[in-house]
Amino acid sequence: MNHTNPLDTLIEQSRKARDNAGRALASERQSREQTAGQLETLQRYRSEYCERLQQAMRQGIDAATLDDYNRFIRSLETAIQRARDVLSQQQERVESSSAHWRQRQRELSSFSALESRRTQQEQQREQRRERLLADEMTQNLLARRPAADEYNPS
């Protein structure tokens, strides 16, 4: 069968939609991982900076330097909170993209199941045609036999 039918078109469009949804999901996951990496870096940097503050306080530190440390640590904490918020938003986008991909996959599976049923029905029709043709040929052969063969006394 070389002609395109509407189901084949739907399957192709559904496959493309599923593939596009998969690429979008991969992109969202990659963005989430980048943000998670940035958050981890900020947290590590804050931890290191707090350790430096502790060392400076052990050695003695003036009030202006202490204020600078505290102000910088607060700005790191603000950046960390923003990164957490962005990470949370990106996780929601990943979940949404994942649900979208699953929906597209279910749609494609449904169309593929219909295509399988259609193919199976076509095969069954072809087998019936072949059986009918074989039966007809057998009947024609039997009809052409001379009547003497039927009453052959052996």
C-alpha atoms as a PDB file:
ATOM      1  CA  MET A   1       0.000   0.000   0.000  1.00  0.00           C
ATOM      2  CA  ASN A   2       1.677   3.134  -1.161  1.00  0.00           C
ATOM      3  CA  HIS A   3      -1.083   5.675  -0.692  1.00  0.00           C
ATOM      4  CA  THR A   4      -1.186   7.902   2.355  1.00  0.00           C
ATOM      5  CA  ASN A   5      -4.287   7.692   4.471  1.00  0.00           C
ATOM      6  CA  PRO A   6      -5.417  10.016   7.246  1.00  0.00           C
ATOM      7  CA  LEU A   7      -4.277   7.617   9.986  1.00  0.00           C
ATOM      8  CA  ASP A   8      -0.731   7.555   8.592  1.00  0.00           C
ATOM      9  CA  THR A   9      -0.768  11.362   8.601  1.00  0.00           C
ATOM     10  CA  LEU A  10      -2.008  11.423  12.201  1.00  0.00           C
ATOM     11  CA  ILE A  11       0.689   8.976  13.256  1.00  0.00           C
ATOM     12  CA  GLU A  12       3.393  11.063  11.620  1.00  0.00           C
ATOM     13  CA  GLN A  13       2.099  14.295  13.172  1.00  0.00           C
ATOM     14  CA  SER A  14       1.760  12.593  16.535  1.00  0.00           C
ATOM     15  CA  ARG A  15       5.315  11.244  16.305  1.00  0.00           C
ATOM     16  CA  LYS A  16       6.624  14.731  15.513  1.00  0.00           C
ATOM     17  CA  ALA A  17       4.636  16.227  18.418  1.00  0.00           C
ATOM     18  CA  ARG A  18       5.999  13.553  20.763  1.00  0.00           C
ATOM     19  CA  ASP A  19       9.566  14.146  19.560  1.00  0.00           C
ATOM     20  CA  ASN A  20       9.179  17.918  19.992  1.00  0.00           C
ATOM     21  CA  ALA A  21       7.787  17.384  23.491  1.00  0.00           C
ATOM     22  CA  GLY A  22      10.768  15.135  24.245  1.00  0.00           C
ATOM     23  CA  ARG A  23      13.222  17.784  23.122  1.00  0.00           C
ATOM     24  CA  ALA A  24      11.426  20.413  25.229  1.00  0.00           C
ATOM     25  CA  LEU A  25      11.532  18.073  28.226  1.00  0.00           C
ATOM     26  CA  ALA A  26      15.253  17.465  27.730  1.00  0.00           C
ATOM     27  CA  SER A  27      15.849  21.206  27.523  1.00  0.00           C
ATOM     28  CA  GLU A  28      13.863  21.855  30.725  1.00  0.00           C
ATOM     29  CA  ARG A  29      15.800  19.107  32.511  1.00  0.00           C
ATOM     30  CA  GLN A  30      19.084  20.575  31.344  1.00  0.00           C
ATOM     31  CA  SER A  31      18.058  24.040  32.591  1.00  0.00           C
ATOM     32  CA  ARG A  32      17.033  22.546  35.922  1.00  0.00           C
ATOM     33  CA  GLU A  33      20.403  20.790  36.247  1.00  0.00           C
ATOM     34  CA  GLN A  34      22.280  24.003  35.432  1.00  0.00           C
ATOM     35  CA  THR A  35      20.323  25.918  38.052  1.00  0.00           C
ATOM     36  CA  ALA A  36      20.868  23.129  40.588  1.00  0.00           C
ATOM     37  CA  GLY A  37      24.595  23.366  39.844  1.00  0.00           C
ATOM     38  CA  GLN A  38      24.536  27.140  40.300  1.00  0.00           C
ATOM     39  CA  LEU A  39      22.652  26.760  43.579  1.00  0.00           C
ATOM     40  CA  GLU A  40      25.183  24.222  44.795  1.00  0.00           C
ATOM     41  CA  THR A  41      28.026  26.562  43.840  1.00  0.00           C
ATOM     42  CA  LEU A  42      26.394  29.472  45.695  1.00  0.00           C
ATOM     43  CA  GLN A  43      25.845  27.319  48.790  1.00  0.00           C
ATOM     44  CA  ARG A  44      29.430  26.087  48.710  1.00  0.00           C
ATOM     45  CA  TYR A  45      30.678  29.651  48.253  1.00  0.00           C
ATOM     46  CA  ARG A  46      28.548  30.863  51.196  1.00  0.00           C
ATOM     47  CA  SER A  47      29.897  28.040  53.351  1.00  0.00           C
ATOM     48  CA  GLU A  48      33.488  28.879  52.409  1.00  0.00           C
ATOM     49  CA  TYR A  49      32.889  32.576  53.042  1.00  0.00           C
ATOM     50  CA  CYS A  50      31.372  31.811  56.462  1.00  0.00           C
ATOM     51  CA  GLU A  51      34.466  29.769  57.303  1.00  0.00           C
ATOM     52  CA  ARG A  52      36.672  32.699  56.300  1.00  0.00           C
ATOM     53  CA  LEU A  53      34.588  34.941  58.546  1.00  0.00           C
ATOM     54  CA  GLN A  54      35.036  32.515  61.440  1.00  0.00           C
ATOM     55  CA  GLN A  55      38.818  32.470  60.876  1.00  0.00           C
ATOM     56  CA  ALA A  56      38.917  36.270  60.660  1.00  0.00           C
ATOM     57  CA  MET A  57      36.918  36.550  63.887  1.00  0.00           C
ATOM     58  CA  ARG A  58      39.341  34.185  65.677  1.00  0.00           C
ATOM     59  CA  GLN A  59      42.236  36.351  64.567  1.00  0.00           C
ATOM     60  CA  GLY A  60      40.409  39.547  65.378  1.00  0.00           C
ATOM     61  CA  ILE A  61      38.422  41.671  62.972  1.00  0.00           C
ATOM     62  CA  ASP A  62      37.341  45.285  62.962  1.00  0.00           C
ATOM     63  CA  ALA A  63      33.656  46.267  62.880  1.00  0.00           C
ATOM     64  CA  ALA A  64      33.728  47.607  59.299  1.00  0.00           C
ATOM     65  CA  THR A  65      35.211  44.357  57.954  1.00  0.00           C
ATOM     66  CA  LEU A  66      32.702  42.310  59.993  1.00  0.00           C
ATOM     67  CA  ASP A  67      29.892  44.418  58.534  1.00  0.00           C
ATOM     68  CA  ASP A  68      31.263  43.824  55.017  1.00  0.00           C
ATOM     69  CA  TYR A  69      31.370  40.060  55.629  1.00  0.00           C
ATOM     70  CA  ASN A  70      27.804  40.046  56.986  1.00  0.00           C
ATOM     71  CA  ARG A  71      26.493  42.172  54.125  1.00  0.00           C
ATOM     72  CA  PHE A  72      28.135  39.886  51.563  1.00  0.00           C
ATOM     73  CA  ILE A  73      26.815  36.736  53.290  1.00  0.00           C
ATOM     74  CA  ARG A  74      23.295  38.232  53.264  1.00  0.00           C
ATOM     75  CA  SER A  75      23.616  38.965  49.542  1.00  0.00           C
ATOM     76  CA  LEU A  76      24.728  35.347  48.997  1.00  0.00           C
ATOM     77  CA  GLU A  77      21.720  34.124  50.982  1.00  0.00           C
ATOM     78  CA  THR A  78      19.442  36.302  48.849  1.00  0.00           C
ATOM     79  CA  ALA A  79      21.021  34.858  45.699  1.00  0.00           C
ATOM     80  CA  ILE A  80      20.624  31.342  47.120  1.00  0.00           C
ATOM     81  CA  GLN A  81      16.948  31.942  47.825  1.00  0.00           C
ATOM     82  CA  ARG A  82      16.413  33.266  44.302  1.00  0.00           C
ATOM     83  CA  ALA A  83      18.197  30.225  42.884  1.00  0.00           C
ATOM     84  CA  ARG A  84      15.961  27.958  44.999  1.00  0.00           C
ATOM     85  CA  ASP A  85      12.886  29.765  43.681  1.00  0.00           C
ATOM     86  CA  VAL A  86      14.113  29.433  40.091  1.00  0.00           C
ATOM     87  CA  LEU A  87      14.922  25.769  40.692  1.00  0.00           C
ATOM     88  CA  SER A  88      11.426  25.196  42.045  1.00  0.00           C
ATOM     89  CA  GLN A  89       9.911  26.891  38.985  1.00  0.00           C
ATOM     90  CA  GLN A  90      12.102  24.868  36.688  1.00  0.00           C
ATOM     91  CA  GLN A  91      11.075  21.663  38.467  1.00  0.00           C
ATOM     92  CA  GLU A  92       7.440  22.591  37.820  1.00  0.00           C
ATOM     93  CA  ARG A  93       8.266  23.166  34.140  1.00  0.00           C
ATOM     94  CA  VAL A  94      10.021  19.789  34.002  1.00  0.00           C
ATOM     95  CA  GLU A  95       6.967  18.112  35.507  1.00  0.00           C
ATOM     96  CA  SER A  96       4.663  19.924  33.098  1.00  0.00           C
ATOM     97  CA  SER A  97       6.875  19.034  30.120  1.00  0.00           C
ATOM     98  CA  SER A  98       7.037  15.449  31.297  1.00  0.00           C
ATOM     99  CA  ALA A  99       3.243  15.254  31.509  1.00  0.00           C
ATOM    100  CA  HIS A 100       2.996  16.807  28.031  1.00  0.00           C
ATOM    101  CA  TRP A 101       5.463  14.249  26.632  1.00  0.00           C
ATOM    102  CA  ARG A 102       3.560  11.361  28.268  1.00  0.00           C
ATOM    103  CA  GLN A 103       0.305  12.654  26.730  1.00  0.00           C
ATOM    104  CA  ARG A 104       1.895  12.849  23.283  1.00  0.00           C
ATOM    105  CA  GLN A 105       3.300   9.330  23.763  1.00  0.00           C
ATOM    106  CA  ARG A 106      -0.143   7.971  24.734  1.00  0.00           C
ATOM    107  CA  GLU A 107      -1.632   9.661  21.682  1.00  0.00           C
ATOM    108  CA  LEU A 108       0.994   8.108  19.415  1.00  0.00           C
ATOM    109  CA  SER A 109       0.447   4.705  21.019  1.00  0.00           C
ATOM    110  CA  SER A 110      -3.291   4.982  20.423  1.00  0.00           C
ATOM    111  CA  PHE A 111      -2.814   5.838  16.758  1.00  0.00           C
ATOM    112  CA  SER A 112      -0.244   3.052  16.395  1.00  0.00           C
ATOM    113  CA  ALA A 113      -2.690   0.572  17.930  1.00  0.00           C
ATOM    114  CA  LEU A 114      -5.324   1.680  15.416  1.00  0.00           C
ATOM    115  CA  GLU A 115      -2.782   1.241  12.623  1.00  0.00           C
ATOM    116  CA  SER A 116      -1.967  -2.270  13.871  1.00  0.00           C
ATOM    117  CA  ARG A 117      -5.643  -3.191  13.932  1.00  0.00           C
ATOM    118  CA  ARG A 118      -6.107  -1.790  10.442  1.00  0.00           C
ATOM    119  CA  THR A 119      -3.114  -3.758   9.162  1.00  0.00           C
ATOM    120  CA  GLN A 120      -4.360  -6.909  10.837  1.00  0.00           C
ATOM    121  CA  GLN A 121      -7.813  -6.457   9.302  1.00  0.00           C
ATOM    122  CA  GLU A 122      -6.268  -5.930   5.863  1.00  0.00           C
ATOM    123  CA  GLN A 123      -4.218  -9.112   6.280  1.00  0.00           C
ATOM    124  CA  GLN A 124      -7.319 -11.030   7.310  1.00  0.00           C
ATOM    125  CA  ARG A 125      -9.219  -9.722   4.271  1.00  0.00           C
ATOM    126  CA  GLU A 126      -6.332 -10.700   1.995  1.00  0.00           C
ATOM    127  CA  GLN A 127      -6.198 -14.190   3.522  1.00  0.00           C
ATOM    128  CA  ARG A 128      -9.950 -14.569   2.978  1.00  0.00           C
ATOM    129  CA  ARG A 129      -9.563 -13.454  -0.640  1.00  0.00           C
ATOM    130  CA  GLU A 130      -6.762 -15.966  -1.139  1.00  0.00           C
ATOM    131  CA  ARG A 131      -8.846 -18.770   0.425  1.00  0.00           C
ATOM    132  CA  LEU A 132     -11.833 -17.881  -1.742  1.00  0.00           C
ATOM    133  CA  LEU A 133      -9.626 -17.810  -4.827  1.00  0.00           C
ATOM    134  CA  ALA A 134      -8.090 -21.172  -3.895  1.00  0.00           C
ATOM    135  CA  ASP A 135     -11.554 -22.623  -3.232  1.00  0.00           C
ATOM    136  CA  GLU A 136     -12.808 -21.297  -6.558  1.00  0.00           C
ATOM    137  CA  MET A 137      -9.820 -22.738  -8.392  1.00  0.00           C
ATOM    138  CA  THR A 138     -10.376 -26.112  -6.695  1.00  0.00           C
ATOM    139  CA  GLN A 139     -14.054 -26.062  -7.626  1.00  0.00           C
ATOM    140  CA  ASN A 140     -13.196 -25.172 -11.219  1.00  0.00           C
ATOM    141  CA  LEU A 141     -10.689 -28.037 -11.401  1.00  0.00           C
ATOM    142  CA  LEU A 142     -13.225 -30.445  -9.969  1.00  0.00           C
ATOM    143  CA  ALA A 143     -15.898 -29.195 -12.352  1.00  0.00           C
ATOM    144  CA  ARG A 144     -13.609 -29.769 -15.367  1.00  0.00           C
ATOM    145  CA  ARG A 145     -12.817 -33.364 -14.484  1.00  0.00           C
ATOM    146  CA  PRO A 146     -14.444 -35.860 -16.697  1.00  0.00           C
ATOM    147  CA  ALA A 147     -17.420 -37.550 -15.156  1.00  0.00           C
ATOM    148  CA  ALA A 148     -15.761 -40.934 -15.718  1.00  0.00           C
ATOM    149  CA  ASP A 149     -13.145 -40.172 -13.085  1.00  0.00           C
ATOM    150  CA  GLU A 150     -15.844 -39.788 -10.501  1.00  0.00           C
ATOM    151  CA  TYR A 151     -17.286 -43.272 -11.187  1.00  0.00           C
ATOM    152  CA  ASN A 152     -14.078 -45.158 -11.675  1.00  0.00           C
ATOM    153  CA  PRO A 153     -14.739 -48.703 -10.473  1.00  0.00           C
ATOM    154  CA  SER A 154     -11.507 -49.926  -8.975  1.00  0.00           C
END
